[in-house]
Amino acid sequence: MAHRLSYIDAKGEIPKPLVVDHLCRNRRCVNPAHMEIVDIRTNVMRGEGAGAKHSRKTHCKHGHELAGDNLRINNIGHRVCKRCQAKTQAAYEARKAKK
């Protein structure tokens, strides 16, 4: 919380729904010049966590673009490659037919 006190001392209050983003990516840093006030979503998306990394992906692990007609959002909000999903479904149906 030292970074918050440093920011408040140098630049003033932090509006309630906003948070301090460390532009230098060093969470121990207390230099107000290295901080910016942003909403929580922006702060998370700028980070290196799993959610931020996945949201920046433009292609699935097989190289298909995650956009347009090839993109589906599943019931828990994850992006799904329709081409890979169709391939997986076809393989499942083939295994099921062999039984």
PDB file of N, CA and C in Angstrom:
ATOM      1  N   MET A   1       0.803  -1.203   0.000  1.00  0.00           N
ATOM      2  CA  MET A   1       0.000   0.000   0.000  1.00  0.00           C
ATOM      3  C   MET A   1       0.849   1.271   0.000  1.00  0.00           C
ATOM      4  N   ALA A   2       2.156   1.109   0.110  1.00  0.00           N
ATOM      5  CA  ALA A   2       3.025   2.290   0.110  1.00  0.00           C
ATOM      6  C   ALA A   2       2.915   3.039  -1.210  1.00  0.00           C
ATOM      7  N   HIS A   3       2.711   2.317  -2.298  1.00  0.00           N
ATOM      8  CA  HIS A   3       2.603   2.970  -3.602  1.00  0.00           C
ATOM      9  C   HIS A   3       1.362   3.864  -3.650  1.00  0.00           C
ATOM     10  N   ARG A   4       0.276   3.439  -3.023  1.00  0.00           N
ATOM     11  CA  ARG A   4      -0.947   4.255  -2.991  1.00  0.00           C
ATOM     12  C   ARG A   4      -0.703   5.546  -2.205  1.00  0.00           C
ATOM     13  N   LEU A   5      -0.049   5.424  -1.051  1.00  0.00           N
ATOM     14  CA  LEU A   5       0.256   6.614  -0.242  1.00  0.00           C
ATOM     15  C   LEU A   5       1.170   7.570  -0.996  1.00  0.00           C
ATOM     16  N   SER A   6       2.152   7.016  -1.680  1.00  0.00           N
ATOM     17  CA  SER A   6       3.072   7.832  -2.469  1.00  0.00           C
ATOM     18  C   SER A   6       2.319   8.583  -3.570  1.00  0.00           C
ATOM     19  N   TYR A   7       1.409   7.878  -4.250  1.00  0.00           N
ATOM     20  CA  TYR A   7       0.633   8.502  -5.323  1.00  0.00           C
ATOM     21  C   TYR A   7      -0.265   9.606  -4.766  1.00  0.00           C
ATOM     22  N   ILE A   8      -0.959   9.302  -3.675  1.00  0.00           N
ATOM     23  CA  ILE A   8      -1.866  10.282  -3.058  1.00  0.00           C
ATOM     24  C   ILE A   8      -1.095  11.506  -2.609  1.00  0.00           C
ATOM     25  N   ASP A   9       0.072  11.310  -2.017  1.00  0.00           N
ATOM     26  CA  ASP A   9       0.902  12.432  -1.548  1.00  0.00           C
ATOM     27  C   ASP A   9       1.357  13.311  -2.707  1.00  0.00           C
ATOM     28  N   ALA A  10       1.720  12.695  -3.829  1.00  0.00           N
ATOM     29  CA  ALA A  10       2.255  13.444  -4.972  1.00  0.00           C
ATOM     30  C   ALA A  10       1.175  14.016  -5.887  1.00  0.00           C
ATOM     31  N   LYS A  11       0.096  13.251  -6.114  1.00  0.00           N
ATOM     32  CA  LYS A  11      -0.860  13.657  -7.145  1.00  0.00           C
ATOM     33  C   LYS A  11      -2.291  13.828  -6.663  1.00  0.00           C
ATOM     34  N   GLY A  12      -2.591  13.438  -5.450  1.00  0.00           N
ATOM     35  CA  GLY A  12      -3.950  13.593  -4.938  1.00  0.00           C
ATOM     36  C   GLY A  12      -4.692  12.279  -4.834  1.00  0.00           C
ATOM     37  N   GLU A  13      -5.936  12.376  -4.413  1.00  0.00           N
ATOM     38  CA  GLU A  13      -6.772  11.199  -4.159  1.00  0.00           C
ATOM     39  C   GLU A  13      -6.944  10.306  -5.391  1.00  0.00           C
ATOM     40  N   ILE A  14      -7.206   9.043  -5.121  1.00  0.00           N
ATOM     41  CA  ILE A  14      -7.479   8.053  -6.164  1.00  0.00           C
ATOM     42  C   ILE A  14      -8.994   7.844  -6.176  1.00  0.00           C
ATOM     43  N   PRO A  15      -9.679   8.204  -7.269  1.00  0.00           N
ATOM     44  CA  PRO A  15     -11.135   8.018  -7.328  1.00  0.00           C
ATOM     45  C   PRO A  15     -11.522   6.569  -7.024  1.00  0.00           C
ATOM     46  N   LYS A  16     -12.642   6.375  -6.340  1.00  0.00           N
ATOM     47  CA  LYS A  16     -13.044   5.078  -5.785  1.00  0.00           C
ATOM     48  C   LYS A  16     -13.003   3.874  -6.734  1.00  0.00           C
ATOM     49  N   PRO A  17     -13.581   3.897  -7.925  1.00  0.00           N
ATOM     50  CA  PRO A  17     -13.544   2.641  -8.698  1.00  0.00           C
ATOM     51  C   PRO A  17     -12.206   2.382  -9.385  1.00  0.00           C
ATOM     52  N   LEU A  18     -11.271   3.325  -9.308  1.00  0.00           N
ATOM     53  CA  LEU A  18     -10.006   3.195 -10.029  1.00  0.00           C
ATOM     54  C   LEU A  18      -8.901   2.636  -9.144  1.00  0.00           C
ATOM     55  N   VAL A  19      -7.842   2.143  -9.781  1.00  0.00           N
ATOM     56  CA  VAL A  19      -6.696   1.565  -9.077  1.00  0.00           C
ATOM     57  C   VAL A  19      -5.404   2.133  -9.655  1.00  0.00           C
ATOM     58  N   VAL A  20      -4.309   1.923  -8.925  1.00  0.00           N
ATOM     59  CA  VAL A  20      -2.988   2.375  -9.371  1.00  0.00           C
ATOM     60  C   VAL A  20      -2.358   1.282 -10.221  1.00  0.00           C
ATOM     61  N   ASP A  21      -1.922   1.649 -11.418  1.00  0.00           N
ATOM     62  CA  ASP A  21      -1.219   0.724 -12.310  1.00  0.00           C
ATOM     63  C   ASP A  21       0.247   1.099 -12.316  1.00  0.00           C
ATOM     64  N   HIS A  22       1.112   0.131 -12.035  1.00  0.00           N
ATOM     65  CA  HIS A  22       2.557   0.359 -12.078  1.00  0.00           C
ATOM     66  C   HIS A  22       3.023   0.225 -13.522  1.00  0.00           C
ATOM     67  N   LEU A  23       3.330   1.313 -14.153  1.00  0.00           N
ATOM     68  CA  LEU A  23       3.772   1.297 -15.546  1.00  0.00           C
ATOM     69  C   LEU A  23       5.137   0.616 -15.690  1.00  0.00           C
ATOM     70  N   CYS A  24       5.921   0.648 -14.618  1.00  0.00           N
ATOM     71  CA  CYS A  24       7.250   0.023 -14.638  1.00  0.00           C
ATOM     72  C   CYS A  24       7.177  -1.476 -14.353  1.00  0.00           C
ATOM     73  N   ARG A  25       5.992  -1.989 -14.009  1.00  0.00           N
ATOM     74  CA  ARG A  25       5.739  -3.398 -13.706  1.00  0.00           C
ATOM     75  C   ARG A  25       6.448  -3.892 -12.450  1.00  0.00           C
ATOM     76  N   ASN A  26       6.945  -2.961 -11.613  1.00  0.00           N
ATOM     77  CA  ASN A  26       7.576  -3.311 -10.344  1.00  0.00           C
ATOM     78  C   ASN A  26       6.603  -2.925  -9.237  1.00  0.00           C
ATOM     79  N   ARG A  27       5.953  -3.918  -8.641  1.00  0.00           N
ATOM     80  CA  ARG A  27       4.910  -3.640  -7.654  1.00  0.00           C
ATOM     81  C   ARG A  27       5.444  -3.000  -6.377  1.00  0.00           C
ATOM     82  N   ARG A  28       6.734  -3.083  -6.152  1.00  0.00           N
ATOM     83  CA  ARG A  28       7.334  -2.443  -4.971  1.00  0.00           C
ATOM     84  C   ARG A  28       7.686  -0.981  -5.220  1.00  0.00           C
ATOM     85  N   CYS A  29       7.630  -0.542  -6.436  1.00  0.00           N
ATOM     86  CA  CYS A  29       7.989   0.828  -6.791  1.00  0.00           C
ATOM     87  C   CYS A  29       7.018   1.818  -6.149  1.00  0.00           C
ATOM     88  N   VAL A  30       7.557   2.909  -5.618  1.00  0.00           N
ATOM     89  CA  VAL A  30       6.717   3.952  -5.022  1.00  0.00           C
ATOM     90  C   VAL A  30       6.894   5.295  -5.736  1.00  0.00           C
ATOM     91  N   ASN A  31       7.515   5.271  -6.897  1.00  0.00           N
ATOM     92  CA  ASN A  31       7.722   6.492  -7.667  1.00  0.00           C
ATOM     93  C   ASN A  31       6.414   6.864  -8.376  1.00  0.00           C
ATOM     94  N   PRO A  32       5.787   7.995  -8.003  1.00  0.00           N
ATOM     95  CA  PRO A  32       4.511   8.380  -8.614  1.00  0.00           C
ATOM     96  C   PRO A  32       4.593   8.591 -10.129  1.00  0.00           C
ATOM     97  N   ALA A  33       5.784   8.860 -10.640  1.00  0.00           N
ATOM     98  CA  ALA A  33       5.952   9.038 -12.084  1.00  0.00           C
ATOM     99  C   ALA A  33       5.787   7.707 -12.827  1.00  0.00           C
ATOM    100  N   HIS A  34       5.914   6.608 -12.104  1.00  0.00           N
ATOM    101  CA  HIS A  34       5.772   5.278 -12.695  1.00  0.00           C
ATOM    102  C   HIS A  34       4.370   4.719 -12.525  1.00  0.00           C
ATOM    103  N   MET A  35       3.443   5.556 -12.058  1.00  0.00           N
ATOM    104  CA  MET A  35       2.089   5.083 -11.771  1.00  0.00           C
ATOM    105  C   MET A  35       1.050   5.836 -12.586  1.00  0.00           C
ATOM    106  N   GLU A  36      -0.030   5.134 -12.860  1.00  0.00           N
ATOM    107  CA  GLU A  36      -1.161   5.735 -13.575  1.00  0.00           C
ATOM    108  C   GLU A  36      -2.446   5.189 -12.955  1.00  0.00           C
ATOM    109  N   ILE A  37      -3.463   6.028 -12.882  1.00  0.00           N
ATOM    110  CA  ILE A  37      -4.750   5.615 -12.351  1.00  0.00           C
ATOM    111  C   ILE A  37      -5.596   5.107 -13.515  1.00  0.00           C
ATOM    112  N   VAL A  38      -6.064   3.861 -13.398  1.00  0.00           N
ATOM    113  CA  VAL A  38      -6.866   3.232 -14.452  1.00  0.00           C
ATOM    114  C   VAL A  38      -7.968   2.391 -13.807  1.00  0.00           C
ATOM    115  N   ASP A  39      -8.916   1.923 -14.642  1.00  0.00           N
ATOM    116  CA  ASP A  39      -9.926   1.010 -14.119  1.00  0.00           C
ATOM    117  C   ASP A  39      -9.296  -0.371 -13.956  1.00  0.00           C
ATOM    118  N   ILE A  40      -9.934  -1.225 -13.188  1.00  0.00           N
ATOM    119  CA  ILE A  40      -9.383  -2.536 -12.858  1.00  0.00           C
ATOM    120  C   ILE A  40      -9.156  -3.379 -14.104  1.00  0.00           C
ATOM    121  N   ARG A  41     -10.103  -3.352 -15.043  1.00  0.00           N
ATOM    122  CA  ARG A  41      -9.963  -4.164 -16.263  1.00  0.00           C
ATOM    123  C   ARG A  41      -8.706  -3.774 -17.044  1.00  0.00           C
ATOM    124  N   THR A  42      -8.491  -2.474 -17.208  1.00  0.00           N
ATOM    125  CA  THR A  42      -7.305  -1.999 -17.920  1.00  0.00           C
ATOM    126  C   THR A  42      -6.038  -2.468 -17.220  1.00  0.00           C
ATOM    127  N   ASN A  43      -6.022  -2.367 -15.898  1.00  0.00           N
ATOM    128  CA  ASN A  43      -4.859  -2.783 -15.126  1.00  0.00           C
ATOM    129  C   ASN A  43      -4.580  -4.270 -15.317  1.00  0.00           C
ATOM    130  N   VAL A  44      -5.615  -5.099 -15.258  1.00  0.00           N
ATOM    131  CA  VAL A  44      -5.444  -6.543 -15.431  1.00  0.00           C
ATOM    132  C   VAL A  44      -4.974  -6.861 -16.844  1.00  0.00           C
ATOM    133  N   MET A  45      -5.577  -6.231 -17.846  1.00  0.00           N
ATOM    134  CA  MET A  45      -5.227  -6.523 -19.241  1.00  0.00           C
ATOM    135  C   MET A  45      -3.823  -6.066 -19.610  1.00  0.00           C
ATOM    136  N   ARG A  46      -3.286  -5.115 -18.904  1.00  0.00           N
ATOM    137  CA  ARG A  46      -1.905  -4.685 -19.138  1.00  0.00           C
ATOM    138  C   ARG A  46      -0.898  -5.640 -18.513  1.00  0.00           C
ATOM    139  N   GLY A  47      -1.356  -6.494 -17.627  1.00  0.00           N
ATOM    140  CA  GLY A  47      -0.482  -7.375 -16.867  1.00  0.00           C
ATOM    141  C   GLY A  47      -0.006  -8.590 -17.625  1.00  0.00           C
ATOM    142  N   GLU A  48       0.603  -9.495 -16.878  1.00  0.00           N
ATOM    143  CA  GLU A  48       1.165 -10.720 -17.445  1.00  0.00           C
ATOM    144  C   GLU A  48       0.447 -11.966 -16.936  1.00  0.00           C
ATOM    145  N   GLY A  49      -0.720 -11.807 -16.336  1.00  0.00           N
ATOM    146  CA  GLY A  49      -1.486 -12.948 -15.851  1.00  0.00           C
ATOM    147  C   GLY A  49      -2.083 -13.743 -16.999  1.00  0.00           C
ATOM    148  N   ALA A  50      -2.630 -14.906 -16.663  1.00  0.00           N
ATOM    149  CA  ALA A  50      -3.187 -15.800 -17.683  1.00  0.00           C
ATOM    150  C   ALA A  50      -4.298 -15.126 -18.485  1.00  0.00           C
ATOM    151  N   GLY A  51      -5.192 -14.444 -17.806  1.00  0.00           N
ATOM    152  CA  GLY A  51      -6.306 -13.784 -18.500  1.00  0.00           C
ATOM    153  C   GLY A  51      -5.832 -12.746 -19.497  1.00  0.00           C
ATOM    154  N   ALA A  52      -4.845 -11.958 -19.092  1.00  0.00           N
ATOM    155  CA  ALA A  52      -4.306 -10.926 -19.973  1.00  0.00           C
ATOM    156  C   ALA A  52      -3.604 -11.551 -21.182  1.00  0.00           C
ATOM    157  N   LYS A  53      -2.819 -12.588 -20.936  1.00  0.00           N
ATOM    158  CA  LYS A  53      -2.098 -13.248 -22.035  1.00  0.00           C
ATOM    159  C   LYS A  53      -3.063 -13.861 -23.039  1.00  0.00           C
ATOM    160  N   HIS A  54      -4.097 -14.540 -22.532  1.00  0.00           N
ATOM    161  CA  HIS A  54      -5.052 -15.182 -23.428  1.00  0.00           C
ATOM    162  C   HIS A  54      -5.872 -14.153 -24.207  1.00  0.00           C
ATOM    163  N   SER A  55      -6.181 -13.038 -23.593  1.00  0.00           N
ATOM    164  CA  SER A  55      -6.985 -12.035 -24.292  1.00  0.00           C
ATOM    165  C   SER A  55      -6.220 -11.386 -25.444  1.00  0.00           C
ATOM    166  N   ARG A  56      -4.890 -11.402 -25.360  1.00  0.00           N
ATOM    167  CA  ARG A  56      -4.070 -10.813 -26.428  1.00  0.00           C
ATOM    168  C   ARG A  56      -3.842 -11.768 -27.596  1.00  0.00           C
ATOM    169  N   LYS A  57      -4.190 -13.033 -27.423  1.00  0.00           N
ATOM    170  CA  LYS A  57      -3.968 -14.008 -28.494  1.00  0.00           C
ATOM    171  C   LYS A  57      -4.879 -13.707 -29.685  1.00  0.00           C
ATOM    172  N   THR A  58      -4.321 -13.818 -30.879  1.00  0.00           N
ATOM    173  CA  THR A  58      -5.090 -13.576 -32.096  1.00  0.00           C
ATOM    174  C   THR A  58      -5.343 -14.870 -32.871  1.00  0.00           C
ATOM    175  N   HIS A  59      -4.618 -15.941 -32.493  1.00  0.00           N
ATOM    176  CA  HIS A  59      -4.742 -17.224 -33.176  1.00  0.00           C
ATOM    177  C   HIS A  59      -4.774 -18.351 -32.149  1.00  0.00           C
ATOM    178  N   CYS A  60      -5.443 -19.445 -32.483  1.00  0.00           N
ATOM    179  CA  CYS A  60      -5.473 -20.612 -31.598  1.00  0.00           C
ATOM    180  C   CYS A  60      -4.114 -21.311 -31.656  1.00  0.00           C
ATOM    181  N   LYS A  61      -3.952 -22.357 -30.845  1.00  0.00           N
ATOM    182  CA  LYS A  61      -2.651 -23.049 -30.802  1.00  0.00           C
ATOM    183  C   LYS A  61      -2.317 -23.772 -32.091  1.00  0.00           C
ATOM    184  N   HIS A  62      -3.305 -23.939 -32.992  1.00  0.00           N
ATOM    185  CA  HIS A  62      -3.061 -24.581 -34.280  1.00  0.00           C
ATOM    186  C   HIS A  62      -2.919 -23.562 -35.413  1.00  0.00           C
ATOM    187  N   GLY A  63      -2.902 -22.282 -35.081  1.00  0.00           N
ATOM    188  CA  GLY A  63      -2.652 -21.233 -36.060  1.00  0.00           C
ATOM    189  C   GLY A  63      -3.880 -20.634 -36.730  1.00  0.00           C
ATOM    190  N   HIS A  64      -5.081 -21.054 -36.326  1.00  0.00           N
ATOM    191  CA  HIS A  64      -6.300 -20.485 -36.916  1.00  0.00           C
ATOM    192  C   HIS A  64      -6.609 -19.138 -36.260  1.00  0.00           C
ATOM    193  N   GLU A  65      -7.028 -18.193 -37.053  1.00  0.00           N
ATOM    194  CA  GLU A  65      -7.347 -16.874 -36.523  1.00  0.00           C
ATOM    195  C   GLU A  65      -8.592 -16.938 -35.639  1.00  0.00           C
ATOM    196  N   LEU A  66      -8.525 -16.283 -34.502  1.00  0.00           N
ATOM    197  CA  LEU A  66      -9.659 -16.214 -33.577  1.00  0.00           C
ATOM    198  C   LEU A  66     -10.449 -14.944 -33.855  1.00  0.00           C
ATOM    199  N   ALA A  67     -11.164 -14.961 -34.978  1.00  0.00           N
ATOM    200  CA  ALA A  67     -11.945 -13.779 -35.366  1.00  0.00           C
ATOM    201  C   ALA A  67     -13.023 -14.176 -36.367  1.00  0.00           C
ATOM    202  N   GLY A  68     -13.993 -13.313 -36.528  1.00  0.00           N
ATOM    203  CA  GLY A  68     -15.027 -13.489 -37.539  1.00  0.00           C
ATOM    204  C   GLY A  68     -15.800 -14.782 -37.410  1.00  0.00           C
ATOM    205  N   ASP A  69     -15.979 -15.473 -38.530  1.00  0.00           N
ATOM    206  CA  ASP A  69     -16.764 -16.699 -38.568  1.00  0.00           C
ATOM    207  C   ASP A  69     -16.085 -17.873 -37.865  1.00  0.00           C
ATOM    208  N   ASN A  70     -14.811 -17.756 -37.546  1.00  0.00           N
ATOM    209  CA  ASN A  70     -14.089 -18.839 -36.889  1.00  0.00           C
ATOM    210  C   ASN A  70     -14.105 -18.705 -35.366  1.00  0.00           C
ATOM    211  N   LEU A  71     -14.761 -17.696 -34.843  1.00  0.00           N
ATOM    212  CA  LEU A  71     -14.748 -17.446 -33.406  1.00  0.00           C
ATOM    213  C   LEU A  71     -16.107 -17.700 -32.794  1.00  0.00           C
ATOM    214  N   ARG A  72     -16.084 -18.420 -31.664  1.00  0.00           N
ATOM    215  CA  ARG A  72     -17.301 -18.630 -30.875  1.00  0.00           C
ATOM    216  C   ARG A  72     -16.951 -18.361 -29.419  1.00  0.00           C
ATOM    217  N   ILE A  73     -17.859 -17.717 -28.713  1.00  0.00           N
ATOM    218  CA  ILE A  73     -17.685 -17.499 -27.279  1.00  0.00           C
ATOM    219  C   ILE A  73     -18.518 -18.566 -26.569  1.00  0.00           C
ATOM    220  N   ASN A  74     -17.868 -19.390 -25.748  1.00  0.00           N
ATOM    221  CA  ASN A  74     -18.615 -20.468 -25.086  1.00  0.00           C
ATOM    222  C   ASN A  74     -19.399 -19.933 -23.886  1.00  0.00           C
ATOM    223  N   ASN A  75     -20.107 -20.823 -23.189  1.00  0.00           N
ATOM    224  CA  ASN A  75     -21.008 -20.386 -22.128  1.00  0.00           C
ATOM    225  C   ASN A  75     -20.305 -19.833 -20.899  1.00  0.00           C
ATOM    226  N   ILE A  76     -18.995 -19.993 -20.786  1.00  0.00           N
ATOM    227  CA  ILE A  76     -18.277 -19.382 -19.666  1.00  0.00           C
ATOM    228  C   ILE A  76     -17.401 -18.213 -20.126  1.00  0.00           C
ATOM    229  N   GLY A  77     -17.617 -17.759 -21.352  1.00  0.00           N
ATOM    230  CA  GLY A  77     -16.939 -16.563 -21.851  1.00  0.00           C
ATOM    231  C   GLY A  77     -15.603 -16.784 -22.522  1.00  0.00           C
ATOM    232  N   HIS A  78     -15.209 -18.029 -22.734  1.00  0.00           N
ATOM    233  CA  HIS A  78     -13.929 -18.296 -23.397  1.00  0.00           C
ATOM    234  C   HIS A  78     -14.092 -18.269 -24.914  1.00  0.00           C
ATOM    235  N   ARG A  79     -13.052 -17.808 -25.591  1.00  0.00           N
ATOM    236  CA  ARG A  79     -13.047 -17.813 -27.044  1.00  0.00           C
ATOM    237  C   ARG A  79     -12.699 -19.212 -27.539  1.00  0.00           C
ATOM    238  N   VAL A  80     -13.424 -19.693 -28.534  1.00  0.00           N
ATOM    239  CA  VAL A  80     -13.228 -21.040 -29.064  1.00  0.00           C
ATOM    240  C   VAL A  80     -13.032 -20.955 -30.573  1.00  0.00           C
ATOM    241  N   CYS A  81     -12.028 -21.676 -31.065  1.00  0.00           N
ATOM    242  CA  CYS A  81     -11.774 -21.772 -32.499  1.00  0.00           C
ATOM    243  C   CYS A  81     -12.775 -22.771 -33.078  1.00  0.00           C
ATOM    244  N   LYS A  82     -13.623 -22.323 -33.977  1.00  0.00           N
ATOM    245  CA  LYS A  82     -14.646 -23.201 -34.555  1.00  0.00           C
ATOM    246  C   LYS A  82     -14.036 -24.313 -35.400  1.00  0.00           C
ATOM    247  N   ARG A  83     -12.943 -24.039 -36.106  1.00  0.00           N
ATOM    248  CA  ARG A  83     -12.315 -25.059 -36.941  1.00  0.00           C
ATOM    249  C   ARG A  83     -11.766 -26.194 -36.080  1.00  0.00           C
ATOM    250  N   CYS A  84     -11.094 -25.847 -34.985  1.00  0.00           N
ATOM    251  CA  CYS A  84     -10.560 -26.873 -34.087  1.00  0.00           C
ATOM    252  C   CYS A  84     -11.693 -27.616 -33.390  1.00  0.00           C
ATOM    253  N   GLN A  85     -12.732 -26.892 -33.015  1.00  0.00           N
ATOM    254  CA  GLN A  85     -13.856 -27.524 -32.363  1.00  0.00           C
ATOM    255  C   GLN A  85     -14.539 -28.528 -33.298  1.00  0.00           C
ATOM    256  N   ALA A  86     -14.691 -28.163 -34.564  1.00  0.00           N
ATOM    257  CA  ALA A  86     -15.306 -29.063 -35.547  1.00  0.00           C
ATOM    258  C   ALA A  86     -14.442 -30.309 -35.744  1.00  0.00           C
ATOM    259  N   LYS A  87     -13.128 -30.130 -35.771  1.00  0.00           N
ATOM    260  CA  LYS A  87     -12.210 -31.261 -35.934  1.00  0.00           C
ATOM    261  C   LYS A  87     -12.301 -32.202 -34.725  1.00  0.00           C
ATOM    262  N   THR A  88     -12.357 -31.638 -33.545  1.00  0.00           N
ATOM    263  CA  THR A  88     -12.487 -32.423 -32.319  1.00  0.00           C
ATOM    264  C   THR A  88     -13.808 -33.169 -32.301  1.00  0.00           C
ATOM    265  N   GLN A  89     -14.867 -32.495 -32.691  1.00  0.00           N
ATOM    266  CA  GLN A  89     -16.194 -33.115 -32.719  1.00  0.00           C
ATOM    267  C   GLN A  89     -16.239 -34.265 -33.734  1.00  0.00           C
ATOM    268  N   ALA A  90     -15.634 -34.068 -34.899  1.00  0.00           N
ATOM    269  CA  ALA A  90     -15.604 -35.114 -35.925  1.00  0.00           C
ATOM    270  C   ALA A  90     -14.840 -36.339 -35.424  1.00  0.00           C
ATOM    271  N   ALA A  91     -13.726 -36.117 -34.731  1.00  0.00           N
ATOM    272  CA  ALA A  91     -12.945 -37.233 -34.193  1.00  0.00           C
ATOM    273  C   ALA A  91     -13.743 -37.975 -33.118  1.00  0.00           C
ATOM    274  N   TYR A  92     -14.485 -37.245 -32.317  1.00  0.00           N
ATOM    275  CA  TYR A  92     -15.324 -37.856 -31.284  1.00  0.00           C
ATOM    276  C   TYR A  92     -16.415 -38.714 -31.946  1.00  0.00           C
ATOM    277  N   GLU A  93     -17.065 -38.168 -32.962  1.00  0.00           N
ATOM    278  CA  GLU A  93     -18.128 -38.910 -33.661  1.00  0.00           C
ATOM    279  C   GLU A  93     -17.573 -40.173 -34.315  1.00  0.00           C
ATOM    280  N   ALA A  94     -16.353 -40.090 -34.862  1.00  0.00           N
ATOM    281  CA  ALA A  94     -15.725 -41.256 -35.507  1.00  0.00           C
ATOM    282  C   ALA A  94     -15.443 -42.350 -34.472  1.00  0.00           C
ATOM    283  N   ARG A  95     -14.919 -41.952 -33.296  1.00  0.00           N
ATOM    284  CA  ARG A  95     -14.657 -42.927 -32.229  1.00  0.00           C
ATOM    285  C   ARG A  95     -15.960 -43.551 -31.741  1.00  0.00           C
ATOM    286  N   LYS A  96     -16.978 -42.736 -31.627  1.00  0.00           N
ATOM    287  CA  LYS A  96     -18.279 -43.195 -31.158  1.00  0.00           C
ATOM    288  C   LYS A  96     -18.912 -44.185 -32.147  1.00  0.00           C
ATOM    289  N   ALA A  97     -18.709 -43.946 -33.437  1.00  0.00           N
ATOM    290  CA  ALA A  97     -19.278 -44.822 -34.476  1.00  0.00           C
ATOM    291  C   ALA A  97     -18.588 -46.187 -34.489  1.00  0.00           C
ATOM    292  N   LYS A  98     -17.326 -46.257 -34.087  1.00  0.00           N
ATOM    293  CA  LYS A  98     -16.579 -47.512 -34.069  1.00  0.00           C
ATOM    294  C   LYS A  98     -17.073 -48.462 -32.987  1.00  0.00           C
ATOM    295  N   LYS A  99     -17.690 -47.936 -31.954  1.00  0.00           N
ATOM    296  CA  LYS A  99     -18.126 -48.771 -30.824  1.00  0.00           C
ATOM    297  C   LYS A  99     -19.266 -49.629 -31.160  1.00  0.00           C
TER     298      LYS A  99
END
